[in-house]
């Protein structure tokens, strides 16, 4: 499997993990929170960043893959930092802003950019053949 295909597999895995994390607890009426999805999300995010850094594709496609990976890794990292800072400063608002505004926005921008750039790259390849 080439690195480009592997990065697409990781990208789709991230989207599937987020979809499962958002829908399964509600469908199964599970109590508690979705922390079981947070650690794999961070691992897949780091893997996507590492593979995207090594892929020899178009610059924008690599950029959007890395943006999705970093924002996916940002969720568990931000929760860890929040848990550590909450012990010192209980009313710190920075991690909430990052968690609820910045990370979802960068993830959506990365996903849309990856899909659009990937389709443009695919159609430009098929147009040349």
C-alpha atoms as a PDB file:
ATOM      1  CA  UNK A   1       0.000   0.000   0.000  1.00  0.00           C
ATOM      2  CA  UNK A   2       1.418   3.367  -0.938  1.00  0.00           C
ATOM      3  CA  UNK A   3       1.703   6.169   1.574  1.00  0.00           C
ATOM      4  CA  UNK A   4      -0.923   8.209  -0.252  1.00  0.00           C
ATOM      5  CA  UNK A   5      -3.446   5.385   0.033  1.00  0.00           C
ATOM      6  CA  UNK A   6      -2.487   4.888   3.668  1.00  0.00           C
ATOM      7  CA  UNK A   7      -3.130   8.559   4.399  1.00  0.00           C
ATOM      8  CA  UNK A   8      -6.578   8.271   2.796  1.00  0.00           C
ATOM      9  CA  UNK A   9      -7.295   5.159   4.882  1.00  0.00           C
ATOM     10  CA  UNK A  10      -6.303   7.020   8.058  1.00  0.00           C
ATOM     11  CA  UNK A  11      -8.405  10.029   7.010  1.00  0.00           C
ATOM     12  CA  UNK A  12     -11.505   7.877   6.479  1.00  0.00           C
ATOM     13  CA  UNK A  13     -10.791   6.045   9.755  1.00  0.00           C
ATOM     14  CA  UNK A  14     -10.741   9.374  11.599  1.00  0.00           C
ATOM     15  CA  UNK A  15     -14.077  10.358  10.075  1.00  0.00           C
ATOM     16  CA  UNK A  16     -15.579   6.966  10.932  1.00  0.00           C
ATOM     17  CA  UNK A  17     -14.293   7.175  14.508  1.00  0.00           C
ATOM     18  CA  UNK A  18     -15.791  10.625  14.976  1.00  0.00           C
ATOM     19  CA  UNK A  19     -19.100   9.530  13.440  1.00  0.00           C
ATOM     20  CA  UNK A  20     -19.173   6.506  15.743  1.00  0.00           C
ATOM     21  CA  UNK A  21     -18.263   8.629  18.741  1.00  0.00           C
ATOM     22  CA  UNK A  22     -21.071  11.049  18.014  1.00  0.00           C
ATOM     23  CA  UNK A  23     -23.798   8.532  17.193  1.00  0.00           C
ATOM     24  CA  UNK A  24     -23.172   5.239  19.023  1.00  0.00           C
ATOM     25  CA  UNK A  25     -23.599   6.486  22.621  1.00  0.00           C
ATOM     26  CA  UNK A  26     -26.906   8.085  21.658  1.00  0.00           C
ATOM     27  CA  UNK A  27     -28.108   5.086  19.650  1.00  0.00           C
ATOM     28  CA  UNK A  28     -27.176   2.572  22.331  1.00  0.00           C
ATOM     29  CA  UNK A  29     -28.303   4.899  25.126  1.00  0.00           C
ATOM     30  CA  UNK A  30     -24.966   4.498  26.847  1.00  0.00           C
ATOM     31  CA  UNK A  31     -24.402   6.450  30.003  1.00  0.00           C
ATOM     32  CA  UNK A  32     -21.286   8.466  30.706  1.00  0.00           C
ATOM     33  CA  UNK A  33     -19.190  10.178  28.101  1.00  0.00           C
ATOM     34  CA  UNK A  34     -17.368   9.291  24.892  1.00  0.00           C
ATOM     35  CA  UNK A  35     -13.862   9.027  26.367  1.00  0.00           C
ATOM     36  CA  UNK A  36     -13.368   5.628  24.761  1.00  0.00           C
ATOM     37  CA  UNK A  37     -13.103   7.420  21.410  1.00  0.00           C
ATOM     38  CA  UNK A  38     -10.664  10.113  22.516  1.00  0.00           C
ATOM     39  CA  UNK A  39      -7.432   8.111  22.779  1.00  0.00           C
ATOM     40  CA  UNK A  40      -7.807   6.349  19.385  1.00  0.00           C
ATOM     41  CA  UNK A  41      -8.641   9.722  17.859  1.00  0.00           C
ATOM     42  CA  UNK A  42      -5.320  11.132  19.062  1.00  0.00           C
ATOM     43  CA  UNK A  43      -3.384   8.086  17.846  1.00  0.00           C
ATOM     44  CA  UNK A  44      -4.989   8.226  14.393  1.00  0.00           C
ATOM     45  CA  UNK A  45      -4.345  11.971  14.262  1.00  0.00           C
ATOM     46  CA  UNK A  46      -0.622  11.550  14.956  1.00  0.00           C
ATOM     47  CA  UNK A  47      -0.387   8.699  12.430  1.00  0.00           C
ATOM     48  CA  UNK A  48      -2.072  10.875   9.802  1.00  0.00           C
ATOM     49  CA  UNK A  49       0.363  13.729  10.475  1.00  0.00           C
ATOM     50  CA  UNK A  50       3.398  11.429  10.252  1.00  0.00           C
ATOM     51  CA  UNK A  51       2.229   9.739   7.050  1.00  0.00           C
ATOM     52  CA  UNK A  52       1.173  13.039   5.467  1.00  0.00           C
ATOM     53  CA  UNK A  53       4.575  14.542   6.207  1.00  0.00           C
ATOM     54  CA  UNK A  54       6.216  11.705   4.288  1.00  0.00           C
ATOM     55  CA  UNK A  55       3.813  11.597   1.313  1.00  0.00           C
ATOM     56  CA  UNK A  56       4.951  13.072  -1.987  1.00  0.00           C
ATOM     57  CA  UNK A  57       1.659  14.636  -3.055  1.00  0.00           C
ATOM     58  CA  UNK A  58       0.393  18.105  -3.819  1.00  0.00           C
ATOM     59  CA  UNK A  59       1.232  20.681  -1.165  1.00  0.00           C
ATOM     60  CA  UNK A  60      -2.345  21.625  -0.336  1.00  0.00           C
ATOM     61  CA  UNK A  61      -3.439  18.016   0.029  1.00  0.00           C
ATOM     62  CA  UNK A  62      -0.576  17.369   2.423  1.00  0.00           C
ATOM     63  CA  UNK A  63      -1.431  20.569   4.315  1.00  0.00           C
ATOM     64  CA  UNK A  64      -5.086  19.568   4.764  1.00  0.00           C
ATOM     65  CA  UNK A  65      -4.157  16.017   5.815  1.00  0.00           C
ATOM     66  CA  UNK A  66      -1.864  17.488   8.450  1.00  0.00           C
ATOM     67  CA  UNK A  67      -4.519  19.981   9.560  1.00  0.00           C
ATOM     68  CA  UNK A  68      -7.035  17.167  10.108  1.00  0.00           C
ATOM     69  CA  UNK A  69      -4.451  15.078  11.956  1.00  0.00           C
ATOM     70  CA  UNK A  70      -3.335  17.909  14.215  1.00  0.00           C
ATOM     71  CA  UNK A  71      -6.865  18.942  15.089  1.00  0.00           C
ATOM     72  CA  UNK A  72      -7.758  15.298  15.835  1.00  0.00           C
ATOM     73  CA  UNK A  73      -4.697  14.981  18.068  1.00  0.00           C
ATOM     74  CA  UNK A  74      -5.580  18.308  19.676  1.00  0.00           C
ATOM     75  CA  UNK A  75      -8.662  16.903  21.395  1.00  0.00           C
ATOM     76  CA  UNK A  76      -6.926  14.460  23.753  1.00  0.00           C
ATOM     77  CA  UNK A  77      -3.991  16.843  24.164  1.00  0.00           C
ATOM     78  CA  UNK A  78      -6.308  19.707  25.109  1.00  0.00           C
ATOM     79  CA  UNK A  79      -8.230  17.516  27.550  1.00  0.00           C
ATOM     80  CA  UNK A  80      -4.971  16.446  29.201  1.00  0.00           C
ATOM     81  CA  UNK A  81      -3.784  20.053  29.514  1.00  0.00           C
ATOM     82  CA  UNK A  82      -7.193  21.080  30.849  1.00  0.00           C
ATOM     83  CA  UNK A  83      -7.106  18.360  33.511  1.00  0.00           C
ATOM     84  CA  UNK A  84      -3.648  19.491  34.622  1.00  0.00           C
ATOM     85  CA  UNK A  85      -4.470  23.214  34.613  1.00  0.00           C
ATOM     86  CA  UNK A  86      -7.809  22.723  36.368  1.00  0.00           C
ATOM     87  CA  UNK A  87      -5.946  21.584  39.481  1.00  0.00           C
ATOM     88  CA  UNK A  88      -4.087  24.904  39.591  1.00  0.00           C
ATOM     89  CA  UNK A  89      -6.588  27.357  38.110  1.00  0.00           C
ATOM     90  CA  UNK A  90     -10.217  26.116  38.236  1.00  0.00           C
ATOM     91  CA  UNK A  91     -11.689  28.871  36.066  1.00  0.00           C
ATOM     92  CA  UNK A  92      -9.309  28.816  33.119  1.00  0.00           C
ATOM     93  CA  UNK A  93     -11.182  29.544  29.849  1.00  0.00           C
ATOM     94  CA  UNK A  94      -8.398  28.933  27.321  1.00  0.00           C
ATOM     95  CA  UNK A  95      -8.872  25.177  26.934  1.00  0.00           C
ATOM     96  CA  UNK A  96     -12.628  25.623  26.520  1.00  0.00           C
ATOM     97  CA  UNK A  97     -12.120  28.059  23.654  1.00  0.00           C
ATOM     98  CA  UNK A  98      -9.634  25.705  22.015  1.00  0.00           C
ATOM     99  CA  UNK A  99     -11.826  22.637  22.596  1.00  0.00           C
ATOM    100  CA  UNK A 100     -15.185  24.038  21.519  1.00  0.00           C
ATOM    101  CA  UNK A 101     -14.261  26.609  18.861  1.00  0.00           C
ATOM    102  CA  UNK A 102     -10.763  26.260  17.423  1.00  0.00           C
ATOM    103  CA  UNK A 103     -10.393  22.457  17.149  1.00  0.00           C
ATOM    104  CA  UNK A 104     -13.791  21.789  15.533  1.00  0.00           C
ATOM    105  CA  UNK A 105     -13.282  24.677  13.116  1.00  0.00           C
ATOM    106  CA  UNK A 106      -9.851  23.464  12.047  1.00  0.00           C
ATOM    107  CA  UNK A 107     -11.146  19.904  11.744  1.00  0.00           C
ATOM    108  CA  UNK A 108     -14.038  20.941   9.482  1.00  0.00           C
ATOM    109  CA  UNK A 109     -11.745  23.141   7.374  1.00  0.00           C
ATOM    110  CA  UNK A 110      -9.269  20.278   7.089  1.00  0.00           C
ATOM    111  CA  UNK A 111     -11.921  17.723   6.137  1.00  0.00           C
ATOM    112  CA  UNK A 112     -13.530  19.958   3.518  1.00  0.00           C
ATOM    113  CA  UNK A 113     -10.146  21.012   2.161  1.00  0.00           C
ATOM    114  CA  UNK A 114      -8.965  17.403   1.955  1.00  0.00           C
ATOM    115  CA  UNK A 115     -12.082  16.293   0.114  1.00  0.00           C
ATOM    116  CA  UNK A 116     -12.054  19.211  -2.334  1.00  0.00           C
ATOM    117  CA  UNK A 117      -8.309  19.057  -2.964  1.00  0.00           C
ATOM    118  CA  UNK A 118      -8.392  15.264  -3.249  1.00  0.00           C
ATOM    119  CA  UNK A 119     -11.207  15.388  -5.796  1.00  0.00           C
ATOM    120  CA  UNK A 120      -9.456  18.113  -7.773  1.00  0.00           C
ATOM    121  CA  UNK A 121      -6.234  16.078  -7.706  1.00  0.00           C
ATOM    122  CA  UNK A 122      -8.127  12.940  -8.794  1.00  0.00           C
ATOM    123  CA  UNK A 123      -9.898  14.686 -11.668  1.00  0.00           C
ATOM    124  CA  UNK A 124      -6.734  16.402 -12.867  1.00  0.00           C
ATOM    125  CA  UNK A 125      -4.966  12.994 -12.921  1.00  0.00           C
ATOM    126  CA  UNK A 126      -7.843  11.374 -14.830  1.00  0.00           C
ATOM    127  CA  UNK A 127      -8.014  14.294 -17.259  1.00  0.00           C
ATOM    128  CA  UNK A 128      -4.339  13.837 -18.141  1.00  0.00           C
ATOM    129  CA  UNK A 129      -4.795  10.105 -18.860  1.00  0.00           C
END
